[in-house]
Amino acid sequence: MNNPLRLFQFIFGGIGVLLLAVAMLWFASTRSFVNGAQHVPGVVVQLEISRGDDSDVYYPIIGFQSLDGREHVFRSSSGSNPPSYDQGEDVEVLYDPANPDKASINGFFALWGVVLIMGSLGLLFFAIGAGIWFAAWRSGSSAANLRESGQAVQAEFLRVEEIGHLEVNGRNPWRLVAQWLNPQTGKLHVFYSENLWFDPAAHIHQKHVRVFIDPANPKRYSVDTSFLPELAE
């Protein structure tokens, strides 16, 4: 796939869909656990510190007694800084009667934190991918409309320039630059083509390129690059 933006569209969109799928599966699993769990009192027996480069994270270690009288200890899957719980603090525990080692504090983030994080990241990645697609679609739709209903003018070809400030996947796009003097207003208009992911200089032999403009608003235009070879996928 030679258009890096299209590649990024699929990468971000695919990651977004994957994260949303994980969030949905985790939600279903957690809901099933909550619906079948036993509710018993528990206590924070200690806080386990996970050392990080920027800050430490505190995970509560919870002790509780299942309904059959056996003692159990587990580490909460969610930690924080500052700690969300104090040592010795009473908490409510949910556990699976068939597997008491599968337990959780009865708190929103302890139960649904993974769903919230995965879902939020999934929506973000999917929105980025959809945004790239929408921008490309809108640009293509506008260009198609101008080709159908716009005014074709012959603009003087000036140069090919590499867009150095834009880099995608280690590559910089290129674009054609042309100018046209509007005979009705005497104003000079400079036109830039859409981004091209190859250097088109060797394929340009004419002095003019066709540009489709909106007669009512020449700032809406589309440079015709159909004479250039199509980049192989």
C-alpha atoms as a PDB file:
ATOM      1  CA  MET A   1       0.000   0.000   0.000  1.00  0.00           C
ATOM      2  CA  ASN A   2       1.882   3.015  -1.321  1.00  0.00           C
ATOM      3  CA  ASN A   3      -0.194   5.770   0.273  1.00  0.00           C
ATOM      4  CA  PRO A   4       1.038   6.009   3.888  1.00  0.00           C
ATOM      5  CA  LEU A   5      -2.070   7.923   4.981  1.00  0.00           C
ATOM      6  CA  ARG A   6      -4.279   5.096   3.742  1.00  0.00           C
ATOM      7  CA  LEU A   7      -2.040   2.646   5.601  1.00  0.00           C
ATOM      8  CA  PHE A   8      -2.400   4.704   8.787  1.00  0.00           C
ATOM      9  CA  GLN A   9      -6.159   4.756   8.251  1.00  0.00           C
ATOM     10  CA  PHE A  10      -6.286   0.948   8.337  1.00  0.00           C
ATOM     11  CA  ILE A  11      -3.783   0.674  11.200  1.00  0.00           C
ATOM     12  CA  PHE A  12      -5.601   3.106  13.502  1.00  0.00           C
ATOM     13  CA  GLY A  13      -9.027   1.814  12.502  1.00  0.00           C
ATOM     14  CA  GLY A  14      -7.957  -1.813  12.988  1.00  0.00           C
ATOM     15  CA  ILE A  15      -6.413  -1.154  16.403  1.00  0.00           C
ATOM     16  CA  GLY A  16      -9.568   0.728  17.399  1.00  0.00           C
ATOM     17  CA  VAL A  17     -11.835  -2.159  16.380  1.00  0.00           C
ATOM     18  CA  LEU A  18      -9.579  -4.653  18.200  1.00  0.00           C
ATOM     19  CA  LEU A  19      -9.559  -2.613  21.428  1.00  0.00           C
ATOM     20  CA  LEU A  20     -13.332  -2.134  21.285  1.00  0.00           C
ATOM     21  CA  ALA A  21     -13.774  -5.886  20.804  1.00  0.00           C
ATOM     22  CA  VAL A  22     -11.559  -6.562  23.848  1.00  0.00           C
ATOM     23  CA  ALA A  23     -13.561  -4.018  25.865  1.00  0.00           C
ATOM     24  CA  MET A  24     -16.847  -5.696  24.886  1.00  0.00           C
ATOM     25  CA  LEU A  25     -15.548  -9.162  25.788  1.00  0.00           C
ATOM     26  CA  TRP A  26     -14.212  -7.893  29.129  1.00  0.00           C
ATOM     27  CA  PHE A  27     -17.547  -6.172  29.803  1.00  0.00           C
ATOM     28  CA  ALA A  28     -19.457  -9.397  29.142  1.00  0.00           C
ATOM     29  CA  SER A  29     -17.084 -11.393  31.341  1.00  0.00           C
ATOM     30  CA  THR A  30     -17.275  -8.864  34.195  1.00  0.00           C
ATOM     31  CA  ARG A  31     -21.057  -8.620  34.017  1.00  0.00           C
ATOM     32  CA  SER A  32     -21.312 -12.427  34.197  1.00  0.00           C
ATOM     33  CA  PHE A  33     -18.937 -12.444  37.183  1.00  0.00           C
ATOM     34  CA  VAL A  34     -20.893  -9.712  39.009  1.00  0.00           C
ATOM     35  CA  ASN A  35     -24.247 -11.400  38.413  1.00  0.00           C
ATOM     36  CA  GLY A  36     -23.065 -14.711  39.904  1.00  0.00           C
ATOM     37  CA  ALA A  37     -20.714 -13.419  42.607  1.00  0.00           C
ATOM     38  CA  GLN A  38     -21.065 -13.729  46.366  1.00  0.00           C
ATOM     39  CA  HIS A  39     -20.830 -10.521  48.419  1.00  0.00           C
ATOM     40  CA  VAL A  40     -18.742 -10.754  51.595  1.00  0.00           C
ATOM     41  CA  PRO A  41     -16.827  -8.283  53.767  1.00  0.00           C
ATOM     42  CA  GLY A  42     -13.071  -7.960  53.330  1.00  0.00           C
ATOM     43  CA  VAL A  43     -10.197  -5.893  54.632  1.00  0.00           C
ATOM     44  CA  VAL A  44      -7.093  -4.283  53.098  1.00  0.00           C
ATOM     45  CA  VAL A  45      -4.294  -6.233  54.747  1.00  0.00           C
ATOM     46  CA  GLN A  46      -1.461  -4.299  53.035  1.00  0.00           C
ATOM     47  CA  LEU A  47      -0.548  -2.073  50.113  1.00  0.00           C
ATOM     48  CA  GLU A  48       1.818  -3.527  47.528  1.00  0.00           C
ATOM     49  CA  ILE A  49       4.045  -0.939  45.829  1.00  0.00           C
ATOM     50  CA  SER A  50       4.883  -1.283  42.148  1.00  0.00           C
ATOM     51  CA  ARG A  51       7.914   0.885  41.386  1.00  0.00           C
ATOM     52  CA  GLY A  52       7.777   2.930  38.187  1.00  0.00           C
ATOM     53  CA  ASP A  53      10.064   5.329  36.386  1.00  0.00           C
ATOM     54  CA  ASP A  54       7.795   8.308  36.998  1.00  0.00           C
ATOM     55  CA  SER A  55       5.799   7.283  40.070  1.00  0.00           C
ATOM     56  CA  ASP A  56       4.894   4.334  42.267  1.00  0.00           C
ATOM     57  CA  VAL A  57       1.550   2.539  42.045  1.00  0.00           C
ATOM     58  CA  TYR A  58      -0.156   1.118  45.130  1.00  0.00           C
ATOM     59  CA  TYR A  59      -2.165  -2.110  44.814  1.00  0.00           C
ATOM     60  CA  PRO A  60      -4.347  -3.148  47.768  1.00  0.00           C
ATOM     61  CA  ILE A  61      -3.956  -6.706  49.040  1.00  0.00           C
ATOM     62  CA  ILE A  62      -7.367  -7.894  50.245  1.00  0.00           C
ATOM     63  CA  GLY A  63      -8.190 -10.615  52.728  1.00  0.00           C
ATOM     64  CA  PHE A  64     -11.672 -12.118  53.051  1.00  0.00           C
ATOM     65  CA  GLN A  65     -13.486 -15.195  54.296  1.00  0.00           C
ATOM     66  CA  SER A  66     -15.648 -17.156  51.877  1.00  0.00           C
ATOM     67  CA  LEU A  67     -19.019 -18.524  52.983  1.00  0.00           C
ATOM     68  CA  ASP A  68     -17.471 -21.938  53.663  1.00  0.00           C
ATOM     69  CA  GLY A  69     -15.222 -20.345  56.297  1.00  0.00           C
ATOM     70  CA  ARG A  70     -11.922 -20.489  54.361  1.00  0.00           C
ATOM     71  CA  GLU A  71      -9.575 -17.529  54.320  1.00  0.00           C
ATOM     72  CA  HIS A  72      -8.469 -16.024  50.995  1.00  0.00           C
ATOM     73  CA  VAL A  73      -6.096 -13.249  49.946  1.00  0.00           C
ATOM     74  CA  PHE A  74      -5.871 -11.541  46.560  1.00  0.00           C
ATOM     75  CA  ARG A  75      -4.298  -8.489  44.979  1.00  0.00           C
ATOM     76  CA  SER A  76      -6.652  -5.991  43.371  1.00  0.00           C
ATOM     77  CA  SER A  77      -6.166  -5.644  39.614  1.00  0.00           C
ATOM     78  CA  SER A  78      -6.356  -1.852  39.868  1.00  0.00           C
ATOM     79  CA  GLY A  79      -3.754   0.346  41.543  1.00  0.00           C
ATOM     80  CA  SER A  80      -3.338   4.070  41.968  1.00  0.00           C
ATOM     81  CA  ASN A  81      -1.179   6.862  43.294  1.00  0.00           C
ATOM     82  CA  PRO A  82      -2.139   8.156  45.786  1.00  0.00           C
ATOM     83  CA  PRO A  83      -3.592   4.892  47.167  1.00  0.00           C
ATOM     84  CA  SER A  84      -7.356   4.513  46.826  1.00  0.00           C
ATOM     85  CA  TYR A  85      -7.496   2.476  50.064  1.00  0.00           C
ATOM     86  CA  ASP A  86      -5.737   2.516  53.428  1.00  0.00           C
ATOM     87  CA  GLN A  87      -4.267  -0.499  55.164  1.00  0.00           C
ATOM     88  CA  GLY A  88      -6.865  -1.900  57.547  1.00  0.00           C
ATOM     89  CA  GLU A  89      -9.771  -0.355  55.598  1.00  0.00           C
ATOM     90  CA  ASP A  90     -12.947  -2.438  55.305  1.00  0.00           C
ATOM     91  CA  VAL A  91     -14.142  -3.180  51.759  1.00  0.00           C
ATOM     92  CA  GLU A  92     -16.835  -5.274  50.119  1.00  0.00           C
ATOM     93  CA  VAL A  93     -15.566  -8.246  48.130  1.00  0.00           C
ATOM     94  CA  LEU A  94     -17.163 -10.100  45.239  1.00  0.00           C
ATOM     95  CA  TYR A  95     -15.954 -13.637  44.555  1.00  0.00           C
ATOM     96  CA  ASP A  96     -16.863 -16.545  42.314  1.00  0.00           C
ATOM     97  CA  PRO A  97     -18.437 -19.311  44.468  1.00  0.00           C
ATOM     98  CA  ALA A  98     -16.945 -21.959  42.163  1.00  0.00           C
ATOM     99  CA  ASN A  99     -13.503 -20.364  42.348  1.00  0.00           C
ATOM    100  CA  PRO A 100     -13.016 -18.110  45.411  1.00  0.00           C
ATOM    101  CA  ASP A 101      -9.552 -17.122  44.163  1.00  0.00           C
ATOM    102  CA  LYS A 102     -11.354 -15.161  41.442  1.00  0.00           C
ATOM    103  CA  ALA A 103     -12.321 -12.100  43.484  1.00  0.00           C
ATOM    104  CA  SER A 104     -12.535  -8.340  43.231  1.00  0.00           C
ATOM    105  CA  ILE A 105     -13.233  -5.303  45.338  1.00  0.00           C
ATOM    106  CA  ASN A 106     -16.800  -4.160  44.763  1.00  0.00           C
ATOM    107  CA  GLY A 107     -15.792  -0.797  43.278  1.00  0.00           C
ATOM    108  CA  PHE A 108     -16.421   0.806  39.933  1.00  0.00           C
ATOM    109  CA  PHE A 109     -12.815   1.070  38.750  1.00  0.00           C
ATOM    110  CA  ALA A 110     -11.790  -2.297  40.185  1.00  0.00           C
ATOM    111  CA  LEU A 111     -14.571  -3.965  38.205  1.00  0.00           C
ATOM    112  CA  TRP A 112     -14.908  -1.794  35.124  1.00  0.00           C
ATOM    113  CA  GLY A 113     -11.557   0.012  34.840  1.00  0.00           C
ATOM    114  CA  VAL A 114     -10.215  -2.237  32.073  1.00  0.00           C
ATOM    115  CA  VAL A 115     -13.457  -1.843  30.105  1.00  0.00           C
ATOM    116  CA  LEU A 116     -13.294   1.937  30.500  1.00  0.00           C
ATOM    117  CA  ILE A 117      -9.632   2.192  29.455  1.00  0.00           C
ATOM    118  CA  MET A 118      -9.877  -0.257  26.547  1.00  0.00           C
ATOM    119  CA  GLY A 119     -13.127   1.288  25.332  1.00  0.00           C
ATOM    120  CA  SER A 120     -11.761   4.834  25.498  1.00  0.00           C
ATOM    121  CA  LEU A 121      -8.559   3.907  23.656  1.00  0.00           C
ATOM    122  CA  GLY A 122     -10.583   1.945  21.103  1.00  0.00           C
ATOM    123  CA  LEU A 123     -12.843   4.898  20.406  1.00  0.00           C
ATOM    124  CA  LEU A 124      -9.831   7.213  20.120  1.00  0.00           C
ATOM    125  CA  PHE A 125      -7.973   4.991  17.630  1.00  0.00           C
ATOM    126  CA  PHE A 126     -11.135   4.305  15.648  1.00  0.00           C
ATOM    127  CA  ALA A 127     -11.952   8.030  15.523  1.00  0.00           C
ATOM    128  CA  ILE A 128      -8.459   8.802  14.183  1.00  0.00           C
ATOM    129  CA  GLY A 129      -8.808   6.157  11.479  1.00  0.00           C
ATOM    130  CA  ALA A 130     -12.309   7.342  10.595  1.00  0.00           C
ATOM    131  CA  GLY A 131     -11.094  10.952  10.536  1.00  0.00           C
ATOM    132  CA  ILE A 132      -8.349  10.095   8.036  1.00  0.00           C
ATOM    133  CA  TRP A 133     -10.894   8.254   5.877  1.00  0.00           C
ATOM    134  CA  PHE A 134     -13.410  11.104   6.074  1.00  0.00           C
ATOM    135  CA  ALA A 135     -10.819  13.721   5.141  1.00  0.00           C
ATOM    136  CA  ALA A 136      -9.745  11.656   2.120  1.00  0.00           C
ATOM    137  CA  TRP A 137     -13.372  11.023   1.129  1.00  0.00           C
ATOM    138  CA  ARG A 138     -14.296  14.692   1.465  1.00  0.00           C
ATOM    139  CA  SER A 139     -11.290  15.768  -0.587  1.00  0.00           C
ATOM    140  CA  GLY A 140     -12.093  13.220  -3.286  1.00  0.00           C
ATOM    141  CA  SER A 141     -15.774  14.144  -3.306  1.00  0.00           C
ATOM    142  CA  SER A 142     -14.989  17.860  -3.626  1.00  0.00           C
ATOM    143  CA  ALA A 143     -12.538  17.193  -6.472  1.00  0.00           C
ATOM    144  CA  ALA A 144     -15.106  15.026  -8.279  1.00  0.00           C
ATOM    145  CA  ASN A 145     -17.757  17.746  -7.975  1.00  0.00           C
ATOM    146  CA  LEU A 146     -15.377  20.357  -9.367  1.00  0.00           C
ATOM    147  CA  ARG A 147     -14.482  18.131 -12.314  1.00  0.00           C
ATOM    148  CA  GLU A 148     -18.178  17.763 -13.107  1.00  0.00           C
ATOM    149  CA  SER A 149     -19.487  21.271 -12.539  1.00  0.00           C
ATOM    150  CA  GLY A 150     -16.417  23.516 -12.185  1.00  0.00           C
ATOM    151  CA  GLN A 151     -14.659  25.677 -14.760  1.00  0.00           C
ATOM    152  CA  ALA A 152     -11.520  24.244 -16.355  1.00  0.00           C
ATOM    153  CA  VAL A 153      -8.643  26.720 -16.723  1.00  0.00           C
ATOM    154  CA  GLN A 154      -5.120  26.267 -18.043  1.00  0.00           C
ATOM    155  CA  ALA A 155      -2.680  27.227 -15.312  1.00  0.00           C
ATOM    156  CA  GLU A 156       1.024  27.803 -15.875  1.00  0.00           C
ATOM    157  CA  PHE A 157       3.052  24.998 -14.369  1.00  0.00           C
ATOM    158  CA  LEU A 158       5.667  26.415 -11.989  1.00  0.00           C
ATOM    159  CA  ARG A 159       7.415  23.605 -10.177  1.00  0.00           C
ATOM    160  CA  VAL A 160       7.266  20.376  -8.244  1.00  0.00           C
ATOM    161  CA  GLU A 161       7.982  20.738  -4.546  1.00  0.00           C
ATOM    162  CA  GLU A 162       8.581  18.278  -1.764  1.00  0.00           C
ATOM    163  CA  ILE A 163       6.530  18.921   1.374  1.00  0.00           C
ATOM    164  CA  GLY A 164       9.317  18.707   3.931  1.00  0.00           C
ATOM    165  CA  HIS A 165       7.202  19.539   6.980  1.00  0.00           C
ATOM    166  CA  LEU A 166       4.931  16.528   6.398  1.00  0.00           C
ATOM    167  CA  GLU A 167       6.419  13.097   6.957  1.00  0.00           C
ATOM    168  CA  VAL A 168       4.506   9.839   7.117  1.00  0.00           C
ATOM    169  CA  ASN A 169       6.266   6.542   7.693  1.00  0.00           C
ATOM    170  CA  GLY A 170       9.596   8.174   6.851  1.00  0.00           C
ATOM    171  CA  ARG A 171       8.382   9.560   3.532  1.00  0.00           C
ATOM    172  CA  ASN A 172       7.568  13.086   2.350  1.00  0.00           C
ATOM    173  CA  PRO A 173       4.860  13.757  -0.245  1.00  0.00           C
ATOM    174  CA  TRP A 174       5.218  15.924  -3.367  1.00  0.00           C
ATOM    175  CA  ARG A 175       2.845  18.352  -5.071  1.00  0.00           C
ATOM    176  CA  LEU A 176       2.546  20.390  -8.230  1.00  0.00           C
ATOM    177  CA  VAL A 177       2.461  24.183  -8.062  1.00  0.00           C
ATOM    178  CA  ALA A 178       0.825  26.221 -10.817  1.00  0.00           C
ATOM    179  CA  GLN A 179      -0.490  29.768 -11.282  1.00  0.00           C
ATOM    180  CA  TRP A 180      -3.330  31.368 -13.231  1.00  0.00           C
ATOM    181  CA  LEU A 181      -4.146  35.005 -13.926  1.00  0.00           C
ATOM    182  CA  ASN A 182      -7.884  35.584 -13.737  1.00  0.00           C
ATOM    183  CA  PRO A 183      -8.649  37.788 -16.782  1.00  0.00           C
ATOM    184  CA  GLN A 184     -11.836  39.112 -15.199  1.00  0.00           C
ATOM    185  CA  THR A 185     -10.348  40.300 -11.918  1.00  0.00           C
ATOM    186  CA  GLY A 186      -6.657  40.628 -12.824  1.00  0.00           C
ATOM    187  CA  LYS A 187      -5.786  38.586  -9.716  1.00  0.00           C
ATOM    188  CA  LEU A 188      -3.114  35.892  -9.760  1.00  0.00           C
ATOM    189  CA  HIS A 189      -4.086  32.556  -8.221  1.00  0.00           C
ATOM    190  CA  VAL A 190      -1.579  29.941  -7.070  1.00  0.00           C
ATOM    191  CA  PHE A 191      -2.765  26.334  -7.068  1.00  0.00           C
ATOM    192  CA  TYR A 192      -1.356  23.288  -5.271  1.00  0.00           C
ATOM    193  CA  SER A 193      -2.166  19.735  -6.240  1.00  0.00           C
ATOM    194  CA  GLU A 194      -3.143  16.976  -3.864  1.00  0.00           C
ATOM    195  CA  ASN A 195      -0.256  15.190  -2.141  1.00  0.00           C
ATOM    196  CA  LEU A 196       1.576  12.718  -4.371  1.00  0.00           C
ATOM    197  CA  TRP A 197       3.627   9.911  -2.858  1.00  0.00           C
ATOM    198  CA  PHE A 198       6.236   9.884  -5.605  1.00  0.00           C
ATOM    199  CA  ASP A 199       8.345  12.539  -7.334  1.00  0.00           C
ATOM    200  CA  PRO A 200       6.373  13.412 -10.491  1.00  0.00           C
ATOM    201  CA  ALA A 201       8.990  15.756 -12.008  1.00  0.00           C
ATOM    202  CA  ALA A 202      10.223  13.280 -14.632  1.00  0.00           C
ATOM    203  CA  HIS A 203       6.659  12.800 -15.923  1.00  0.00           C
ATOM    204  CA  ILE A 204       5.801  16.473 -16.507  1.00  0.00           C
ATOM    205  CA  HIS A 205       6.624  17.759 -19.982  1.00  0.00           C
ATOM    206  CA  GLN A 206       3.934  20.392 -20.563  1.00  0.00           C
ATOM    207  CA  LYS A 207       3.984  24.067 -19.647  1.00  0.00           C
ATOM    208  CA  HIS A 208       0.405  24.135 -18.426  1.00  0.00           C
ATOM    209  CA  VAL A 209      -1.787  21.952 -16.238  1.00  0.00           C
ATOM    210  CA  ARG A 210      -5.541  21.901 -16.087  1.00  0.00           C
ATOM    211  CA  VAL A 211      -7.219  23.158 -12.931  1.00  0.00           C
ATOM    212  CA  PHE A 212     -10.917  22.916 -12.148  1.00  0.00           C
ATOM    213  CA  ILE A 213     -12.148  25.934 -10.192  1.00  0.00           C
ATOM    214  CA  ASP A 214     -15.405  27.108  -8.703  1.00  0.00           C
ATOM    215  CA  PRO A 215     -16.147  30.270 -10.738  1.00  0.00           C
ATOM    216  CA  ALA A 216     -17.886  31.833  -7.745  1.00  0.00           C
ATOM    217  CA  ASN A 217     -14.971  31.036  -5.452  1.00  0.00           C
ATOM    218  CA  PRO A 218     -11.639  30.223  -7.173  1.00  0.00           C
ATOM    219  CA  LYS A 219     -10.197  29.279  -3.792  1.00  0.00           C
ATOM    220  CA  ARG A 220     -12.119  26.026  -4.287  1.00  0.00           C
ATOM    221  CA  TYR A 221     -10.150  24.166  -6.909  1.00  0.00           C
ATOM    222  CA  SER A 222      -8.715  20.833  -7.923  1.00  0.00           C
ATOM    223  CA  VAL A 223      -5.483  20.418  -9.882  1.00  0.00           C
ATOM    224  CA  ASP A 224      -5.893  17.725 -12.529  1.00  0.00           C
ATOM    225  CA  THR A 225      -3.095  15.169 -12.104  1.00  0.00           C
ATOM    226  CA  SER A 226      -4.712  12.453 -14.204  1.00  0.00           C
ATOM    227  CA  PHE A 227      -1.919  12.803 -16.803  1.00  0.00           C
ATOM    228  CA  LEU A 228       0.569  11.417 -14.276  1.00  0.00           C
ATOM    229  CA  PRO A 229       1.159   7.657 -14.028  1.00  0.00           C
ATOM    230  CA  GLU A 230      -0.791   5.862 -11.350  1.00  0.00           C
ATOM    231  CA  LEU A 231       1.264   4.605  -8.446  1.00  0.00           C
ATOM    232  CA  ALA A 232       1.148   0.802  -8.240  1.00  0.00           C
ATOM    233  CA  GLU A 233      -0.342  -0.666  -5.085  1.00  0.00           C
END
